[in-house]
Amino acid sequence: QVQLVESGGGLVQPGGSLRLSCAASGSIFNIRAMGWYRQAPGKQRELVATITQVGITNYADSVKGRFTISRDNAENTVYLQMNSLKPEDTAVYYCSLTRAIMGTSYTYWGQGTQVTVSS
């Protein structure tokens, strides 16, 4: 099994910054990518950013230039630095880990951390 533990969420004013962390443990082999998704009330879960084991990143258009994803492979941890936060960034942020087993991809999720952007 895979365990993902997120931290770093909270309340921040518009224009502020937060840094999310996600530590992976358990059967964390053959990792293809880790990432962050978010879900606002009444909306579907959406991609925020992903990063592959070799550091290739992908961002949602809405966060490009403001958010930066990074990872520490030795610590099996992924980070999301969020700058210039907007009220529309308010959501529960979920960490994800995708790994391959016998050619099939499996995705695991953290429990989520709340990010609220409000004055």
N, C-alpha and C. Protein backbone atom coordinates (compact mmCIF):
# COMPACT_ATOMS: atom_id res chain seq x y z
N GLN A 1 0.83 -1.20 0.00
CA GLN A 1 0.00 0.00 0.00
C GLN A 1 0.86 1.24 0.00
N VAL A 2 0.23 2.35 -0.38
CA VAL A 2 0.90 3.64 -0.44
C VAL A 2 0.19 4.60 0.49
N GLN A 3 0.96 5.31 1.27
CA GLN A 3 0.39 6.35 2.13
C GLN A 3 0.94 7.71 1.71
N LEU A 4 0.05 8.68 1.60
CA LEU A 4 0.42 10.05 1.24
C LEU A 4 -0.10 10.97 2.33
N VAL A 5 0.80 11.76 2.89
CA VAL A 5 0.42 12.68 3.97
C VAL A 5 0.74 14.10 3.54
N GLU A 6 -0.30 14.91 3.42
CA GLU A 6 -0.14 16.30 3.00
C GLU A 6 -0.06 17.22 4.21
N SER A 7 0.57 18.36 4.00
CA SER A 7 0.62 19.39 5.03
C SER A 7 0.84 20.73 4.36
N GLY A 8 0.58 21.80 5.10
CA GLY A 8 0.88 23.14 4.62
C GLY A 8 -0.30 23.98 4.20
N GLY A 9 -1.50 23.42 4.23
CA GLY A 9 -2.67 24.22 3.86
C GLY A 9 -3.00 25.25 4.93
N GLY A 10 -3.97 26.10 4.63
CA GLY A 10 -4.38 27.10 5.60
C GLY A 10 -5.10 28.26 4.95
N LEU A 11 -5.24 29.33 5.73
CA LEU A 11 -5.91 30.55 5.28
C LEU A 11 -4.85 31.58 4.92
N VAL A 12 -5.01 32.19 3.76
CA VAL A 12 -4.06 33.21 3.31
C VAL A 12 -4.82 34.29 2.59
N GLN A 13 -4.29 35.51 2.65
CA GLN A 13 -4.93 36.62 1.95
C GLN A 13 -4.60 36.58 0.47
N PRO A 14 -5.44 37.17 -0.36
CA PRO A 14 -5.13 37.26 -1.80
C PRO A 14 -3.76 37.90 -2.00
N GLY A 15 -3.01 37.31 -2.94
CA GLY A 15 -1.65 37.78 -3.19
C GLY A 15 -0.59 37.10 -2.34
N GLY A 16 -1.02 36.33 -1.36
CA GLY A 16 -0.10 35.66 -0.47
C GLY A 16 0.44 34.37 -1.04
N SER A 17 1.21 33.67 -0.22
CA SER A 17 1.86 32.44 -0.64
C SER A 17 1.64 31.34 0.39
N LEU A 18 1.64 30.11 -0.10
CA LEU A 18 1.63 28.91 0.73
C LEU A 18 2.49 27.87 0.07
N ARG A 19 3.02 26.96 0.89
CA ARG A 19 3.78 25.83 0.36
C ARG A 19 3.17 24.55 0.92
N LEU A 20 2.73 23.69 0.00
CA LEU A 20 2.19 22.39 0.38
C LEU A 20 3.29 21.33 0.27
N SER A 21 3.23 20.36 1.16
CA SER A 21 4.15 19.24 1.13
C SER A 21 3.36 17.94 1.15
N CYS A 22 3.91 16.91 0.53
CA CYS A 22 3.29 15.60 0.53
C CYS A 22 4.38 14.55 0.64
N ALA A 23 4.33 13.79 1.72
CA ALA A 23 5.32 12.74 1.94
C ALA A 23 4.70 11.39 1.64
N ALA A 24 5.39 10.62 0.82
CA ALA A 24 4.92 9.28 0.44
C ALA A 24 5.67 8.21 1.21
N SER A 25 4.96 7.15 1.57
CA SER A 25 5.59 6.02 2.25
C SER A 25 4.85 4.75 1.87
N GLY A 26 5.45 3.62 2.23
CA GLY A 26 4.83 2.34 1.90
C GLY A 26 5.47 1.73 0.67
N SER A 27 4.66 1.13 -0.19
CA SER A 27 5.15 0.44 -1.40
C SER A 27 5.37 1.43 -2.53
N ILE A 28 6.34 2.29 -2.36
CA ILE A 28 6.58 3.36 -3.33
C ILE A 28 7.72 3.00 -4.26
N PHE A 29 7.42 2.08 -5.18
CA PHE A 29 8.37 1.70 -6.20
C PHE A 29 7.73 1.91 -7.56
N ASN A 30 8.56 1.95 -8.60
CA ASN A 30 8.06 2.17 -9.98
C ASN A 30 7.15 3.39 -10.07
N ILE A 31 7.55 4.47 -9.39
CA ILE A 31 6.76 5.70 -9.44
C ILE A 31 6.89 6.32 -10.82
N ARG A 32 5.78 6.68 -11.40
CA ARG A 32 5.79 7.38 -12.69
C ARG A 32 5.70 8.89 -12.48
N ALA A 33 4.87 9.30 -11.55
CA ALA A 33 4.69 10.74 -11.33
C ALA A 33 4.03 10.98 -9.98
N MET A 34 4.24 12.17 -9.48
CA MET A 34 3.49 12.66 -8.32
C MET A 34 2.89 13.99 -8.71
N GLY A 35 1.87 14.40 -7.99
CA GLY A 35 1.25 15.65 -8.39
C GLY A 35 0.25 16.17 -7.37
N TRP A 36 -0.38 17.25 -7.78
CA TRP A 36 -1.39 17.91 -6.96
C TRP A 36 -2.65 18.15 -7.80
N TYR A 37 -3.77 17.86 -7.20
CA TYR A 37 -5.07 18.15 -7.77
C TYR A 37 -5.84 18.96 -6.74
N ARG A 38 -6.92 19.59 -7.17
CA ARG A 38 -7.73 20.34 -6.22
C ARG A 38 -9.21 20.20 -6.57
N GLN A 39 -10.03 20.38 -5.54
CA GLN A 39 -11.47 20.30 -5.73
C GLN A 39 -12.13 21.39 -4.91
N ALA A 40 -12.79 22.30 -5.61
CA ALA A 40 -13.54 23.37 -4.96
C ALA A 40 -14.97 22.89 -4.74
N PRO A 41 -15.69 23.50 -3.80
CA PRO A 41 -17.07 23.08 -3.52
C PRO A 41 -17.94 23.14 -4.78
N GLY A 42 -18.63 22.06 -5.04
CA GLY A 42 -19.53 22.00 -6.18
C GLY A 42 -18.85 21.78 -7.51
N LYS A 43 -17.54 21.56 -7.51
CA LYS A 43 -16.80 21.37 -8.75
C LYS A 43 -16.09 20.03 -8.76
N GLN A 44 -15.70 19.60 -9.95
CA GLN A 44 -14.96 18.35 -10.07
C GLN A 44 -13.50 18.57 -9.69
N ARG A 45 -12.87 17.48 -9.31
CA ARG A 45 -11.44 17.53 -9.02
C ARG A 45 -10.68 17.84 -10.31
N GLU A 46 -9.71 18.74 -10.23
CA GLU A 46 -8.97 19.14 -11.41
C GLU A 46 -7.47 19.09 -11.16
N LEU A 47 -6.74 18.92 -12.24
CA LEU A 47 -5.28 18.89 -12.19
C LEU A 47 -4.76 20.27 -11.81
N VAL A 48 -3.76 20.31 -10.94
CA VAL A 48 -3.03 21.54 -10.66
C VAL A 48 -1.64 21.44 -11.29
N ALA A 49 -0.89 20.40 -10.90
CA ALA A 49 0.46 20.22 -11.44
C ALA A 49 0.92 18.80 -11.18
N THR A 50 1.76 18.29 -12.08
CA THR A 50 2.37 16.99 -11.90
C THR A 50 3.85 17.07 -12.22
N ILE A 51 4.59 16.11 -11.68
CA ILE A 51 6.02 16.04 -11.95
C ILE A 51 6.42 14.58 -12.05
N THR A 52 7.18 14.23 -13.09
CA THR A 52 7.60 12.85 -13.28
C THR A 52 8.85 12.57 -12.45
N GLN A 53 9.23 11.31 -12.44
CA GLN A 53 10.40 10.91 -11.66
C GLN A 53 11.67 11.59 -12.15
N VAL A 54 11.69 12.00 -13.42
CA VAL A 54 12.87 12.67 -13.97
C VAL A 54 12.69 14.17 -14.03
N GLY A 55 11.62 14.67 -13.43
CA GLY A 55 11.48 16.10 -13.27
C GLY A 55 10.69 16.84 -14.34
N ILE A 56 10.03 16.13 -15.22
CA ILE A 56 9.20 16.79 -16.22
C ILE A 56 7.91 17.24 -15.56
N THR A 57 7.59 18.53 -15.73
CA THR A 57 6.43 19.10 -15.04
C THR A 57 5.31 19.43 -16.02
N ASN A 58 4.12 19.50 -15.48
CA ASN A 58 2.93 19.87 -16.24
C ASN A 58 2.04 20.68 -15.31
N TYR A 59 1.52 21.81 -15.82
CA TYR A 59 0.70 22.69 -15.00
C TYR A 59 -0.64 22.98 -15.68
N ALA A 60 -1.64 23.21 -14.85
CA ALA A 60 -2.89 23.74 -15.37
C ALA A 60 -2.64 25.18 -15.81
N ASP A 61 -3.33 25.60 -16.86
CA ASP A 61 -3.14 26.96 -17.36
C ASP A 61 -3.42 28.01 -16.28
N SER A 62 -4.36 27.71 -15.41
CA SER A 62 -4.78 28.68 -14.40
C SER A 62 -3.71 28.96 -13.35
N VAL A 63 -2.71 28.09 -13.24
CA VAL A 63 -1.69 28.28 -12.21
C VAL A 63 -0.30 28.53 -12.79
N LYS A 64 -0.16 28.46 -14.09
CA LYS A 64 1.16 28.67 -14.71
C LYS A 64 1.70 30.05 -14.34
N GLY A 65 2.96 30.07 -13.97
CA GLY A 65 3.59 31.33 -13.60
C GLY A 65 3.39 31.71 -12.14
N ARG A 66 2.49 31.01 -11.45
CA ARG A 66 2.24 31.32 -10.04
C ARG A 66 2.61 30.16 -9.12
N PHE A 67 2.40 28.94 -9.59
CA PHE A 67 2.68 27.74 -8.78
C PHE A 67 3.90 27.02 -9.34
N THR A 68 4.65 26.41 -8.43
CA THR A 68 5.81 25.62 -8.84
C THR A 68 5.79 24.29 -8.09
N ILE A 69 5.85 23.20 -8.85
CA ILE A 69 5.92 21.88 -8.26
C ILE A 69 7.36 21.40 -8.27
N SER A 70 7.76 20.73 -7.20
CA SER A 70 9.11 20.17 -7.13
C SER A 70 9.05 18.89 -6.29
N ARG A 71 10.13 18.14 -6.34
CA ARG A 71 10.13 16.89 -5.59
C ARG A 71 11.53 16.57 -5.09
N ASP A 72 11.57 15.84 -4.01
CA ASP A 72 12.81 15.32 -3.44
C ASP A 72 12.70 13.81 -3.52
N ASN A 73 13.33 13.22 -4.52
CA ASN A 73 13.21 11.78 -4.73
C ASN A 73 13.77 10.98 -3.56
N ALA A 74 14.82 11.49 -2.96
CA ALA A 74 15.44 10.77 -1.84
C ALA A 74 14.48 10.69 -0.64
N GLU A 75 13.66 11.74 -0.48
CA GLU A 75 12.72 11.78 0.63
C GLU A 75 11.31 11.38 0.22
N ASN A 76 11.13 11.07 -1.07
CA ASN A 76 9.79 10.71 -1.58
C ASN A 76 8.76 11.76 -1.20
N THR A 77 9.13 12.99 -1.41
CA THR A 77 8.27 14.12 -1.05
C THR A 77 8.08 15.03 -2.26
N VAL A 78 6.87 15.52 -2.43
CA VAL A 78 6.57 16.48 -3.48
C VAL A 78 6.05 17.76 -2.83
N TYR A 79 6.41 18.88 -3.42
CA TYR A 79 6.04 20.18 -2.89
C TYR A 79 5.25 20.97 -3.94
N LEU A 80 4.44 21.88 -3.45
CA LEU A 80 3.75 22.82 -4.34
C LEU A 80 3.89 24.21 -3.72
N GLN A 81 4.72 25.04 -4.35
CA GLN A 81 4.87 26.42 -3.93
C GLN A 81 3.82 27.25 -4.66
N MET A 82 2.95 27.89 -3.90
CA MET A 82 1.86 28.66 -4.48
C MET A 82 2.05 30.13 -4.13
N ASN A 83 2.25 30.94 -5.17
CA ASN A 83 2.43 32.38 -5.00
C ASN A 83 1.28 33.13 -5.68
N SER A 84 1.15 34.40 -5.34
CA SER A 84 0.11 35.25 -5.94
C SER A 84 -1.25 34.57 -5.89
N LEU A 85 -1.58 34.05 -4.75
CA LEU A 85 -2.83 33.29 -4.61
C LEU A 85 -4.05 34.17 -4.81
N LYS A 86 -5.07 33.56 -5.41
CA LYS A 86 -6.33 34.24 -5.72
C LYS A 86 -7.47 33.53 -5.00
N PRO A 87 -8.57 34.23 -4.77
CA PRO A 87 -9.72 33.57 -4.14
C PRO A 87 -10.17 32.31 -4.89
N GLU A 88 -10.03 32.31 -6.19
CA GLU A 88 -10.44 31.14 -6.96
C GLU A 88 -9.51 29.95 -6.81
N ASP A 89 -8.41 30.12 -6.10
CA ASP A 89 -7.54 28.99 -5.77
C ASP A 89 -8.04 28.24 -4.54
N THR A 90 -9.06 28.77 -3.89
CA THR A 90 -9.63 28.11 -2.72
C THR A 90 -10.18 26.74 -3.08
N ALA A 91 -9.71 25.72 -2.38
CA ALA A 91 -10.11 24.34 -2.67
C ALA A 91 -9.44 23.41 -1.67
N VAL A 92 -9.86 22.16 -1.71
CA VAL A 92 -9.10 21.10 -1.03
C VAL A 92 -8.07 20.59 -2.03
N TYR A 93 -6.84 20.57 -1.62
CA TYR A 93 -5.74 20.14 -2.48
C TYR A 93 -5.34 18.71 -2.10
N TYR A 94 -5.27 17.87 -3.13
CA TYR A 94 -4.97 16.46 -2.93
C TYR A 94 -3.65 16.11 -3.60
N CYS A 95 -2.83 15.39 -2.87
CA CYS A 95 -1.59 14.86 -3.43
C CYS A 95 -1.89 13.54 -4.13
N SER A 96 -1.19 13.28 -5.22
CA SER A 96 -1.37 12.02 -5.93
C SER A 96 -0.02 11.38 -6.23
N LEU A 97 -0.04 10.08 -6.32
CA LEU A 97 1.15 9.32 -6.72
C LEU A 97 0.69 8.24 -7.69
N THR A 98 1.33 8.17 -8.84
CA THR A 98 1.02 7.17 -9.86
C THR A 98 2.21 6.25 -10.02
N ARG A 99 1.97 4.96 -9.94
CA ARG A 99 3.04 4.00 -10.13
C ARG A 99 2.58 2.91 -11.09
N ALA A 100 3.54 2.19 -11.64
CA ALA A 100 3.24 1.14 -12.60
C ALA A 100 3.50 -0.22 -11.99
N ILE A 101 2.54 -1.11 -12.18
CA ILE A 101 2.69 -2.50 -11.72
C ILE A 101 2.29 -3.40 -12.89
N MET A 102 3.25 -4.17 -13.39
CA MET A 102 2.99 -5.09 -14.50
C MET A 102 2.33 -4.36 -15.67
N GLY A 103 2.81 -3.14 -15.95
CA GLY A 103 2.33 -2.41 -17.10
C GLY A 103 1.03 -1.65 -16.88
N THR A 104 0.47 -1.74 -15.70
CA THR A 104 -0.77 -1.03 -15.40
C THR A 104 -0.47 0.10 -14.41
N SER A 105 -1.07 1.25 -14.68
CA SER A 105 -0.87 2.40 -13.79
C SER A 105 -1.92 2.42 -12.68
N TYR A 106 -1.45 2.75 -11.49
CA TYR A 106 -2.34 2.89 -10.35
C TYR A 106 -2.07 4.26 -9.71
N THR A 107 -3.14 4.96 -9.34
CA THR A 107 -3.00 6.27 -8.72
C THR A 107 -3.54 6.22 -7.30
N TYR A 108 -2.77 6.79 -6.40
CA TYR A 108 -3.13 6.86 -4.99
C TYR A 108 -3.31 8.32 -4.59
N TRP A 109 -4.14 8.54 -3.57
CA TRP A 109 -4.49 9.89 -3.17
C TRP A 109 -4.24 10.11 -1.68
N GLY A 110 -3.87 11.34 -1.35
CA GLY A 110 -3.80 11.74 0.04
C GLY A 110 -5.18 12.13 0.55
N GLN A 111 -5.23 12.53 1.80
CA GLN A 111 -6.51 12.84 2.43
C GLN A 111 -6.99 14.25 2.11
N GLY A 112 -6.10 15.07 1.57
CA GLY A 112 -6.46 16.43 1.20
C GLY A 112 -6.12 17.45 2.28
N THR A 113 -5.80 18.64 1.83
CA THR A 113 -5.53 19.75 2.75
C THR A 113 -6.24 21.00 2.23
N GLN A 114 -6.90 21.70 3.13
CA GLN A 114 -7.71 22.85 2.72
C GLN A 114 -6.84 24.08 2.52
N VAL A 115 -7.05 24.74 1.39
CA VAL A 115 -6.43 26.04 1.11
C VAL A 115 -7.56 27.05 0.92
N THR A 116 -7.55 28.09 1.71
CA THR A 116 -8.56 29.13 1.62
C THR A 116 -7.88 30.47 1.40
N VAL A 117 -8.27 31.13 0.31
CA VAL A 117 -7.71 32.44 -0.03
C VAL A 117 -8.81 33.46 0.14
N SER A 118 -8.66 34.29 1.15
CA SER A 118 -9.72 35.24 1.48
C SER A 118 -9.15 36.38 2.30
N SER A 119 -9.74 37.56 2.11
CA SER A 119 -9.35 38.71 2.91
C SER A 119 -10.24 38.84 4.15
